[in-house]
């Protein structure tokens, strides 16, 4: 979906929450997704020509 949106120039800004420790994404978020797709999304965003930000939450 993200790749399609970028190819069609349908977005001009992306903000993505990063809730990821390699190998523990499902445990932290309680959501099961293929980590490869998550990494691919990050790469798509970083290589796009649009403004973006990555956000995270730190719990101490």
Protein backbone atom coordinates (compact mmCIF):
# COMPACT_ATOMS: atom_id res chain seq x y z
CA UNK A 1 0.00 0.00 0.00
CA UNK A 2 2.76 2.45 0.96
CA UNK A 3 4.64 1.81 -2.26
CA UNK A 4 1.47 2.44 -4.29
CA UNK A 5 0.77 5.71 -2.47
CA UNK A 6 4.32 6.91 -3.08
CA UNK A 7 4.32 5.88 -6.75
CA UNK A 8 1.05 7.71 -7.37
CA UNK A 9 2.28 10.84 -5.53
CA UNK A 10 -0.70 10.65 -3.18
CA UNK A 11 1.18 11.66 -0.03
CA UNK A 12 3.37 14.63 0.77
CA UNK A 13 4.44 13.71 4.31
CA UNK A 14 4.81 10.48 6.32
CA UNK A 15 5.17 10.02 10.06
CA UNK A 16 5.89 6.45 11.16
CA UNK A 17 5.99 5.20 14.73
CA UNK A 18 8.92 2.90 15.45
CA UNK A 19 8.09 0.42 18.18
CA UNK A 20 10.70 -2.11 17.34
CA UNK A 21 13.54 -3.99 18.89
CA UNK A 22 14.84 -6.48 16.33
CA UNK A 23 13.15 -9.81 16.92
CA UNK A 24 10.76 -8.48 19.58
CA UNK A 25 8.25 -6.42 17.58
CA UNK A 26 5.33 -8.80 18.23
CA UNK A 27 6.08 -8.98 21.95
CA UNK A 28 6.25 -5.20 22.32
CA UNK A 29 3.28 -4.23 20.16
CA UNK A 30 1.09 -7.32 20.59
CA UNK A 31 0.74 -7.32 16.79
CA UNK A 32 2.19 -9.98 14.54
CA UNK A 33 3.57 -8.68 11.23
CA UNK A 34 6.36 -9.87 8.96
CA UNK A 35 9.39 -7.86 10.12
CA UNK A 36 10.68 -7.83 6.54
CA UNK A 37 7.67 -5.75 5.46
CA UNK A 38 8.25 -3.36 8.35
CA UNK A 39 11.88 -2.89 7.27
CA UNK A 40 10.84 -2.46 3.64
CA UNK A 41 8.44 0.33 4.65
CA UNK A 42 11.23 2.15 6.47
CA UNK A 43 13.46 1.85 3.39
CA UNK A 44 10.69 3.09 1.08
CA UNK A 45 10.12 6.11 3.28
CA UNK A 46 13.80 6.96 3.61
CA UNK A 47 14.43 6.75 -0.14
CA UNK A 48 11.30 8.68 -1.11
CA UNK A 49 11.51 12.29 -2.12
CA UNK A 50 8.96 13.44 0.46
CA UNK A 51 9.32 14.77 4.00
CA UNK A 52 9.09 12.16 6.73
CA UNK A 53 9.73 11.55 10.39
CA UNK A 54 10.16 8.48 12.55
CA UNK A 55 8.84 8.64 16.10
CA UNK A 56 9.29 6.43 19.11
CA UNK A 57 8.36 6.30 22.78
CA UNK A 58 10.94 5.77 25.48
CA UNK A 59 9.76 4.17 28.71
CA UNK A 60 12.11 4.31 31.66
